[in-house]
Amino acid sequence: MSTPDRFVALFIDADNAPATHVDVILNELAALGTVGIRRAYGNWKGERLNSWERLLHEYAIQPIQQFDLTKGKNATDIALVIDAMDTLYGRKVDVFALVSSDSDFTPLATRLQADGKTVVGFGERKSPLAFVNACSKFLYLDTEEAVSTEVDSTVTKKSAKALKGDARLVSLLRNAVQAAEGDDGWAHLGRVGQHIANQASFDARNYGYKKLIDLFRATDLFDIELREKTSYLRDKRRGKAAGSESAQ
């Protein structure tokens, strides 16, 4: 559901981001609020940004020209960071969206979050983990696993085996359930999701699942119970332990 009273600022590093999924980016941000600032940074005099240039008018994105002042050095990053910080102090912005696969924006994302802002990152799978984790959440834009609000055939769903083999993911999910569980070992899905959001940059769609509950179900590591239209989760290991104790 869109939140029209929230103001969103979009900053695109056109030199280091694909133009093919700009519609996905704006669709995602439209659900968070009004995207009032839309800027794309790069050297628009060259040909490498032609794919972005064709989309500027269609999506009302303002191109910000930045010449390559020194070979091998990207002045675009500095210009984007300066504008983002000016916006932080000069405008009431609730959500900052950073589109890039460049680790140089890690300090910016960290600084924005420190000021209480929601930071949504968009980039390719090659994006450094430090930048991904510095964002409130990060969505991948690779062609093979394009992010979509409605997960479709272009998204590769991770199998239960692949999910269980992802030690970082399993640890994140189990720790979140443990942190949110009650005395009976069951945890409210909403509290679990909030704990994950506070701990790491995470989105179930990056694993091919539209909703967090779908991802939990796919791992086959948790018991799931529906209570008055609300989902509760329990680590299956906790359930087995409770069963063993009751059997004694």
C-alpha atoms as a PDB file:
ATOM      1  CA  MET A   1       0.000   0.000   0.000  1.00  0.00           C
ATOM      2  CA  SER A   2       1.344   3.397  -0.961  1.00  0.00           C
ATOM      3  CA  THR A   3       2.089   5.979   1.726  1.00  0.00           C
ATOM      4  CA  PRO A   4       1.547   9.320  -0.073  1.00  0.00           C
ATOM      5  CA  ASP A   5       2.609  11.457   2.898  1.00  0.00           C
ATOM      6  CA  ARG A   6       6.129  10.023   2.789  1.00  0.00           C
ATOM      7  CA  PHE A   7       8.608  11.779   0.506  1.00  0.00           C
ATOM      8  CA  VAL A   8      11.072   9.694  -1.509  1.00  0.00           C
ATOM      9  CA  ALA A   9      14.294  10.897  -3.149  1.00  0.00           C
ATOM     10  CA  LEU A  10      15.811   8.763  -5.912  1.00  0.00           C
ATOM     11  CA  PHE A  11      19.522   9.073  -6.780  1.00  0.00           C
ATOM     12  CA  ILE A  12      20.813   6.997  -9.711  1.00  0.00           C
ATOM     13  CA  ASP A  13      24.470   6.331 -10.450  1.00  0.00           C
ATOM     14  CA  ALA A  14      23.831   5.848 -14.164  1.00  0.00           C
ATOM     15  CA  ASP A  15      27.469   4.872 -14.731  1.00  0.00           C
ATOM     16  CA  ASN A  16      27.078   1.808 -12.502  1.00  0.00           C
ATOM     17  CA  ALA A  17      23.463   0.705 -12.808  1.00  0.00           C
ATOM     18  CA  PRO A  18      21.376  -0.963 -15.541  1.00  0.00           C
ATOM     19  CA  ALA A  19      18.575   1.048 -17.120  1.00  0.00           C
ATOM     20  CA  THR A  20      16.514  -2.029 -17.971  1.00  0.00           C
ATOM     21  CA  HIS A  21      14.602  -2.136 -14.689  1.00  0.00           C
ATOM     22  CA  VAL A  22      13.829   1.517 -14.021  1.00  0.00           C
ATOM     23  CA  ASP A  23      10.110   0.660 -14.073  1.00  0.00           C
ATOM     24  CA  VAL A  24      10.671  -1.926 -11.332  1.00  0.00           C
ATOM     25  CA  ILE A  25      12.578   0.629  -9.255  1.00  0.00           C
ATOM     26  CA  LEU A  26       9.847   3.260  -9.492  1.00  0.00           C
ATOM     27  CA  ASN A  27       7.110   0.709  -8.884  1.00  0.00           C
ATOM     28  CA  GLU A  28       8.862  -0.378  -5.697  1.00  0.00           C
ATOM     29  CA  LEU A  29       9.336   3.194  -4.501  1.00  0.00           C
ATOM     30  CA  ALA A  30       5.768   4.198  -5.337  1.00  0.00           C
ATOM     31  CA  ALA A  31       4.634   1.787  -2.619  1.00  0.00           C
ATOM     32  CA  LEU A  32       6.771   3.690  -0.101  1.00  0.00           C
ATOM     33  CA  GLY A  33       5.597   7.214  -0.879  1.00  0.00           C
ATOM     34  CA  THR A  34       5.788  10.037  -3.406  1.00  0.00           C
ATOM     35  CA  VAL A  35       8.963   9.980  -5.491  1.00  0.00           C
ATOM     36  CA  GLY A  36       9.407  13.745  -5.723  1.00  0.00           C
ATOM     37  CA  ILE A  37      13.136  13.794  -6.496  1.00  0.00           C
ATOM     38  CA  ARG A  38      14.392  11.695  -9.429  1.00  0.00           C
ATOM     39  CA  ARG A  39      17.981  12.310 -10.513  1.00  0.00           C
ATOM     40  CA  ALA A  40      20.421  10.321 -12.617  1.00  0.00           C
ATOM     41  CA  TYR A  41      24.138  11.173 -12.557  1.00  0.00           C
ATOM     42  CA  GLY A  42      26.723  10.569 -15.258  1.00  0.00           C
ATOM     43  CA  ASN A  43      28.563  11.947 -18.247  1.00  0.00           C
ATOM     44  CA  TRP A  44      25.680  12.417 -20.666  1.00  0.00           C
ATOM     45  CA  LYS A  45      28.046  13.571 -23.418  1.00  0.00           C
ATOM     46  CA  GLY A  46      29.203   9.990 -24.005  1.00  0.00           C
ATOM     47  CA  GLU A  47      27.387   7.079 -25.647  1.00  0.00           C
ATOM     48  CA  ARG A  48      27.469   4.613 -22.755  1.00  0.00           C
ATOM     49  CA  LEU A  49      24.433   6.221 -21.107  1.00  0.00           C
ATOM     50  CA  ASN A  50      22.227   6.014 -24.186  1.00  0.00           C
ATOM     51  CA  SER A  51      20.066   3.323 -22.567  1.00  0.00           C
ATOM     52  CA  TRP A  52      19.332   5.672 -19.655  1.00  0.00           C
ATOM     53  CA  GLU A  53      18.908   8.730 -21.865  1.00  0.00           C
ATOM     54  CA  ARG A  54      15.997   7.151 -23.720  1.00  0.00           C
ATOM     55  CA  LEU A  55      14.100   6.741 -20.423  1.00  0.00           C
ATOM     56  CA  LEU A  56      14.633  10.149 -18.837  1.00  0.00           C
ATOM     57  CA  HIS A  57      11.553  11.901 -20.218  1.00  0.00           C
ATOM     58  CA  GLU A  58       9.337   8.827 -19.948  1.00  0.00           C
ATOM     59  CA  TYR A  59       9.952   8.524 -16.203  1.00  0.00           C
ATOM     60  CA  ALA A  60      10.533  12.226 -15.424  1.00  0.00           C
ATOM     61  CA  ILE A  61      14.126  11.632 -14.303  1.00  0.00           C
ATOM     62  CA  GLN A  62      16.395  14.698 -14.181  1.00  0.00           C
ATOM     63  CA  PRO A  63      19.830  14.093 -15.745  1.00  0.00           C
ATOM     64  CA  ILE A  64      22.733  15.603 -13.798  1.00  0.00           C
ATOM     65  CA  GLN A  65      25.783  16.172 -15.988  1.00  0.00           C
ATOM     66  CA  GLN A  66      29.155  15.287 -14.525  1.00  0.00           C
ATOM     67  CA  PHE A  67      32.224  15.272 -16.747  1.00  0.00           C
ATOM     68  CA  ASP A  68      34.983  12.715 -16.264  1.00  0.00           C
ATOM     69  CA  LEU A  69      37.492  15.151 -14.814  1.00  0.00           C
ATOM     70  CA  THR A  70      40.315  12.618 -14.499  1.00  0.00           C
ATOM     71  CA  LYS A  71      40.731   9.326 -16.327  1.00  0.00           C
ATOM     72  CA  GLY A  72      40.071   6.392 -14.028  1.00  0.00           C
ATOM     73  CA  LYS A  73      38.370   8.575 -11.398  1.00  0.00           C
ATOM     74  CA  ASN A  74      34.586   8.749 -11.183  1.00  0.00           C
ATOM     75  CA  ALA A  75      33.472  12.276 -10.296  1.00  0.00           C
ATOM     76  CA  THR A  76      29.845  11.127 -10.600  1.00  0.00           C
ATOM     77  CA  ASP A  77      29.989   9.462  -7.179  1.00  0.00           C
ATOM     78  CA  ILE A  78      31.091  12.670  -5.464  1.00  0.00           C
ATOM     79  CA  ALA A  79      28.418  14.749  -7.175  1.00  0.00           C
ATOM     80  CA  LEU A  80      25.710  12.287  -6.161  1.00  0.00           C
ATOM     81  CA  VAL A  81      26.884  12.158  -2.540  1.00  0.00           C
ATOM     82  CA  ILE A  82      27.004  15.957  -2.277  1.00  0.00           C
ATOM     83  CA  ASP A  83      23.471  16.292  -3.655  1.00  0.00           C
ATOM     84  CA  ALA A  84      22.171  13.546  -1.366  1.00  0.00           C
ATOM     85  CA  MET A  85      23.637  15.266   1.700  1.00  0.00           C
ATOM     86  CA  ASP A  86      22.284  18.655   0.573  1.00  0.00           C
ATOM     87  CA  THR A  87      18.878  17.010   0.256  1.00  0.00           C
ATOM     88  CA  LEU A  88      19.207  15.427   3.700  1.00  0.00           C
ATOM     89  CA  TYR A  89      19.680  18.818   5.314  1.00  0.00           C
ATOM     90  CA  GLY A  90      17.588  20.939   2.971  1.00  0.00           C
ATOM     91  CA  ARG A  91      14.448  18.871   2.386  1.00  0.00           C
ATOM     92  CA  LYS A  92      12.127  16.715   4.466  1.00  0.00           C
ATOM     93  CA  VAL A  93      12.852  13.328   2.932  1.00  0.00           C
ATOM     94  CA  ASP A  94      11.727  10.051   4.522  1.00  0.00           C
ATOM     95  CA  VAL A  95      13.192   7.551   2.063  1.00  0.00           C
ATOM     96  CA  PHE A  96      16.436   7.731   0.093  1.00  0.00           C
ATOM     97  CA  ALA A  97      16.820   5.363  -2.853  1.00  0.00           C
ATOM     98  CA  LEU A  98      20.339   4.696  -4.169  1.00  0.00           C
ATOM     99  CA  VAL A  99      20.721   2.928  -7.493  1.00  0.00           C
ATOM    100  CA  SER A 100      24.252   1.642  -7.990  1.00  0.00           C
ATOM    101  CA  SER A 101      26.486  -1.409  -7.684  1.00  0.00           C
ATOM    102  CA  ASP A 102      29.389   0.665  -6.377  1.00  0.00           C
ATOM    103  CA  SER A 103      30.808   0.220  -2.874  1.00  0.00           C
ATOM    104  CA  ASP A 104      31.672   3.936  -2.754  1.00  0.00           C
ATOM    105  CA  PHE A 105      28.126   4.646  -1.582  1.00  0.00           C
ATOM    106  CA  THR A 106      28.441   2.529   1.571  1.00  0.00           C
ATOM    107  CA  PRO A 107      29.340   5.512   3.827  1.00  0.00           C
ATOM    108  CA  LEU A 108      26.465   7.525   2.362  1.00  0.00           C
ATOM    109  CA  ALA A 109      23.931   4.774   3.094  1.00  0.00           C
ATOM    110  CA  THR A 110      25.296   4.391   6.616  1.00  0.00           C
ATOM    111  CA  ARG A 111      25.126   8.144   7.240  1.00  0.00           C
ATOM    112  CA  LEU A 112      21.556   8.428   5.968  1.00  0.00           C
ATOM    113  CA  GLN A 113      20.416   5.570   8.187  1.00  0.00           C
ATOM    114  CA  ALA A 114      22.166   7.160  11.156  1.00  0.00           C
ATOM    115  CA  ASP A 115      19.899  10.168  10.594  1.00  0.00           C
ATOM    116  CA  GLY A 116      16.827   7.946  10.816  1.00  0.00           C
ATOM    117  CA  LYS A 117      16.162   7.677   7.090  1.00  0.00           C
ATOM    118  CA  THR A 118      15.047   4.569   5.264  1.00  0.00           C
ATOM    119  CA  VAL A 119      17.623   3.691   2.613  1.00  0.00           C
ATOM    120  CA  VAL A 120      16.589   1.430  -0.256  1.00  0.00           C
ATOM    121  CA  GLY A 121      19.376   0.175  -2.482  1.00  0.00           C
ATOM    122  CA  PHE A 122      19.092  -1.198  -6.015  1.00  0.00           C
ATOM    123  CA  GLY A 123      21.929  -2.860  -7.895  1.00  0.00           C
ATOM    124  CA  GLU A 124      23.315  -5.967  -9.502  1.00  0.00           C
ATOM    125  CA  ARG A 125      24.476  -9.168  -7.798  1.00  0.00           C
ATOM    126  CA  LYS A 126      28.045  -7.908  -8.034  1.00  0.00           C
ATOM    127  CA  SER A 127      27.206  -5.158  -5.517  1.00  0.00           C
ATOM    128  CA  PRO A 128      29.627  -5.380  -2.565  1.00  0.00           C
ATOM    129  CA  LEU A 129      28.109  -6.895   0.553  1.00  0.00           C
ATOM    130  CA  ALA A 130      29.173  -3.864   2.590  1.00  0.00           C
ATOM    131  CA  PHE A 131      26.957  -1.589   0.474  1.00  0.00           C
ATOM    132  CA  VAL A 132      24.076  -4.075   0.530  1.00  0.00           C
ATOM    133  CA  ASN A 133      24.188  -4.338   4.321  1.00  0.00           C
ATOM    134  CA  ALA A 134      24.451  -0.555   4.755  1.00  0.00           C
ATOM    135  CA  CYS A 135      20.976  -0.145   3.216  1.00  0.00           C
ATOM    136  CA  SER A 136      17.694  -0.690   5.048  1.00  0.00           C
ATOM    137  CA  LYS A 137      16.929  -3.117   2.273  1.00  0.00           C
ATOM    138  CA  PHE A 138      18.544  -3.913  -1.045  1.00  0.00           C
ATOM    139  CA  LEU A 139      16.918  -5.297  -4.182  1.00  0.00           C
ATOM    140  CA  TYR A 140      18.886  -6.933  -6.968  1.00  0.00           C
ATOM    141  CA  LEU A 141      18.296  -5.911 -10.576  1.00  0.00           C
ATOM    142  CA  ASP A 142      20.128  -8.628 -12.496  1.00  0.00           C
ATOM    143  CA  THR A 143      18.352  -9.710 -15.660  1.00  0.00           C
ATOM    144  CA  GLU A 144      18.245 -13.352 -14.599  1.00  0.00           C
ATOM    145  CA  GLU A 145      16.680 -12.640 -11.234  1.00  0.00           C
ATOM    146  CA  ALA A 146      14.944  -9.318 -11.828  1.00  0.00           C
ATOM    147  CA  VAL A 147      13.138  -7.991  -8.806  1.00  0.00           C
ATOM    148  CA  SER A 148       9.404  -7.597  -9.148  1.00  0.00           C
ATOM    149  CA  THR A 149       6.593  -6.749  -6.781  1.00  0.00           C
ATOM    150  CA  GLU A 150       4.756  -9.658  -8.334  1.00  0.00           C
ATOM    151  CA  VAL A 151       7.237 -12.518  -8.513  1.00  0.00           C
ATOM    152  CA  ASP A 152       6.962 -14.123 -11.935  1.00  0.00           C
ATOM    153  CA  SER A 153       8.793 -16.501 -14.254  1.00  0.00           C
ATOM    154  CA  THR A 154      11.816 -14.205 -14.539  1.00  0.00           C
ATOM    155  CA  VAL A 155      12.622 -14.833 -10.870  1.00  0.00           C
ATOM    156  CA  THR A 156      14.507 -17.977  -9.960  1.00  0.00           C
ATOM    157  CA  LYS A 157      13.131 -19.435  -6.756  1.00  0.00           C
ATOM    158  CA  LYS A 158      15.739 -20.894  -4.479  1.00  0.00           C
ATOM    159  CA  SER A 159      15.034 -24.524  -3.626  1.00  0.00           C
ATOM    160  CA  ALA A 160      14.778 -25.792  -0.048  1.00  0.00           C
ATOM    161  CA  LYS A 161      18.211 -27.366  -0.450  1.00  0.00           C
ATOM    162  CA  ALA A 162      19.735 -24.095  -1.638  1.00  0.00           C
ATOM    163  CA  LEU A 163      18.062 -22.138   1.161  1.00  0.00           C
ATOM    164  CA  LYS A 164      19.246 -24.570   3.822  1.00  0.00           C
ATOM    165  CA  GLY A 165      22.740 -24.393   2.362  1.00  0.00           C
ATOM    166  CA  ASP A 166      22.840 -20.623   2.843  1.00  0.00           C
ATOM    167  CA  ALA A 167      24.287 -20.506   6.366  1.00  0.00           C
ATOM    168  CA  ARG A 168      23.907 -16.727   6.649  1.00  0.00           C
ATOM    169  CA  LEU A 169      20.227 -16.851   5.691  1.00  0.00           C
ATOM    170  CA  VAL A 170      19.431 -19.765   8.002  1.00  0.00           C
ATOM    171  CA  SER A 171      21.170 -18.052  10.905  1.00  0.00           C
ATOM    172  CA  LEU A 172      19.311 -14.786  10.209  1.00  0.00           C
ATOM    173  CA  LEU A 173      15.895 -16.481  10.109  1.00  0.00           C
ATOM    174  CA  ARG A 174      16.476 -18.676  13.156  1.00  0.00           C
ATOM    175  CA  ASN A 175      17.866 -15.825  15.234  1.00  0.00           C
ATOM    176  CA  ALA A 176      14.904 -13.617  14.314  1.00  0.00           C
ATOM    177  CA  VAL A 177      12.393 -16.283  15.319  1.00  0.00           C
ATOM    178  CA  GLN A 178      14.242 -16.908  18.571  1.00  0.00           C
ATOM    179  CA  ALA A 179      14.327 -13.190  19.370  1.00  0.00           C
ATOM    180  CA  ALA A 180      10.580 -12.808  18.758  1.00  0.00           C
ATOM    181  CA  GLU A 181       9.321 -16.053  20.297  1.00  0.00           C
ATOM    182  CA  GLY A 182       7.128 -16.244  23.371  1.00  0.00           C
ATOM    183  CA  ASP A 183       7.339 -18.686  26.262  1.00  0.00           C
ATOM    184  CA  ASP A 184       5.655 -21.326  24.111  1.00  0.00           C
ATOM    185  CA  GLY A 185       8.372 -21.064  21.443  1.00  0.00           C
ATOM    186  CA  TRP A 186       6.078 -19.489  18.829  1.00  0.00           C
ATOM    187  CA  ALA A 187       6.864 -16.124  17.233  1.00  0.00           C
ATOM    188  CA  HIS A 188       4.489 -13.641  15.575  1.00  0.00           C
ATOM    189  CA  LEU A 189       5.450 -13.219  11.901  1.00  0.00           C
ATOM    190  CA  GLY A 190       5.203  -9.425  12.113  1.00  0.00           C
ATOM    191  CA  ARG A 191       7.667  -9.266  15.002  1.00  0.00           C
ATOM    192  CA  VAL A 192      10.009 -11.632  13.191  1.00  0.00           C
ATOM    193  CA  GLY A 193       9.947  -9.440  10.103  1.00  0.00           C
ATOM    194  CA  GLN A 194      10.585  -6.328  12.178  1.00  0.00           C
ATOM    195  CA  HIS A 195      13.574  -7.962  13.869  1.00  0.00           C
ATOM    196  CA  ILE A 196      15.049  -8.939  10.496  1.00  0.00           C
ATOM    197  CA  ALA A 197      14.527  -5.422   9.126  1.00  0.00           C
ATOM    198  CA  ASN A 198      16.322  -3.924  12.117  1.00  0.00           C
ATOM    199  CA  GLN A 199      19.209  -6.351  11.818  1.00  0.00           C
ATOM    200  CA  ALA A 200      19.997  -6.621   8.110  1.00  0.00           C
ATOM    201  CA  SER A 201      19.274  -5.499   4.583  1.00  0.00           C
ATOM    202  CA  PHE A 202      16.799  -8.165   3.503  1.00  0.00           C
ATOM    203  CA  ASP A 203      13.999  -8.857   1.054  1.00  0.00           C
ATOM    204  CA  ALA A 204      12.398 -12.256   0.447  1.00  0.00           C
ATOM    205  CA  ARG A 205      12.031 -11.457  -3.257  1.00  0.00           C
ATOM    206  CA  ASN A 206      15.795 -11.686  -3.688  1.00  0.00           C
ATOM    207  CA  TYR A 207      15.332 -15.409  -3.052  1.00  0.00           C
ATOM    208  CA  GLY A 208      12.375 -15.676  -5.446  1.00  0.00           C
ATOM    209  CA  TYR A 209       9.546 -15.444  -2.897  1.00  0.00           C
ATOM    210  CA  LYS A 210       6.922 -12.724  -2.858  1.00  0.00           C
ATOM    211  CA  LYS A 211       6.336 -12.782   0.904  1.00  0.00           C
ATOM    212  CA  LEU A 212       8.462 -13.493   3.945  1.00  0.00           C
ATOM    213  CA  ILE A 213       6.106 -16.273   5.052  1.00  0.00           C
ATOM    214  CA  ASP A 214       6.588 -17.991   1.691  1.00  0.00           C
ATOM    215  CA  LEU A 215      10.352 -17.975   2.221  1.00  0.00           C
ATOM    216  CA  PHE A 216      10.013 -19.412   5.716  1.00  0.00           C
ATOM    217  CA  ARG A 217       7.724 -22.133   4.380  1.00  0.00           C
ATOM    218  CA  ALA A 218      10.154 -22.979   1.571  1.00  0.00           C
ATOM    219  CA  THR A 219      13.076 -23.557   3.955  1.00  0.00           C
ATOM    220  CA  ASP A 220      11.164 -26.390   5.661  1.00  0.00           C
ATOM    221  CA  LEU A 221      13.000 -25.467   8.876  1.00  0.00           C
ATOM    222  CA  PHE A 222      10.059 -23.945  10.736  1.00  0.00           C
ATOM    223  CA  ASP A 223       6.626 -24.987  11.946  1.00  0.00           C
ATOM    224  CA  ILE A 224       3.961 -22.541  10.748  1.00  0.00           C
ATOM    225  CA  GLU A 225       0.617 -22.048  12.443  1.00  0.00           C
ATOM    226  CA  LEU A 226      -2.221 -19.713  11.449  1.00  0.00           C
ATOM    227  CA  ARG A 227      -4.047 -18.068  14.350  1.00  0.00           C
ATOM    228  CA  GLU A 228      -6.908 -15.709  13.538  1.00  0.00           C
ATOM    229  CA  LYS A 229      -5.423 -14.876  10.127  1.00  0.00           C
ATOM    230  CA  THR A 230      -1.999 -14.228  11.666  1.00  0.00           C
ATOM    231  CA  SER A 231       0.987 -16.498  11.047  1.00  0.00           C
ATOM    232  CA  TYR A 232       3.187 -17.762  13.872  1.00  0.00           C
ATOM    233  CA  LEU A 233       6.542 -19.483  13.456  1.00  0.00           C
ATOM    234  CA  ARG A 234       8.517 -21.973  15.508  1.00  0.00           C
ATOM    235  CA  ASP A 235      11.920 -23.477  14.878  1.00  0.00           C
ATOM    236  CA  LYS A 236      11.308 -27.172  14.143  1.00  0.00           C
ATOM    237  CA  ARG A 237      14.179 -28.048  16.453  1.00  0.00           C
ATOM    238  CA  ARG A 238      12.269 -26.373  19.289  1.00  0.00           C
ATOM    239  CA  GLY A 239       9.151 -28.335  18.373  1.00  0.00           C
ATOM    240  CA  LYS A 240      11.002 -31.653  18.394  1.00  0.00           C
ATOM    241  CA  ALA A 241      12.558 -30.849  21.756  1.00  0.00           C
ATOM    242  CA  ALA A 242       9.147 -29.998  23.215  1.00  0.00           C
ATOM    243  CA  GLY A 243       7.729 -33.265  21.837  1.00  0.00           C
ATOM    244  CA  SER A 244      10.537 -35.298  23.399  1.00  0.00           C
ATOM    245  CA  GLU A 245      10.001 -33.677  26.802  1.00  0.00           C
ATOM    246  CA  SER A 246       6.234 -34.340  26.732  1.00  0.00           C
ATOM    247  CA  ALA A 247       6.835 -37.969  25.779  1.00  0.00           C
ATOM    248  CA  GLN A 248       8.997 -38.572  28.861  1.00  0.00           C
END
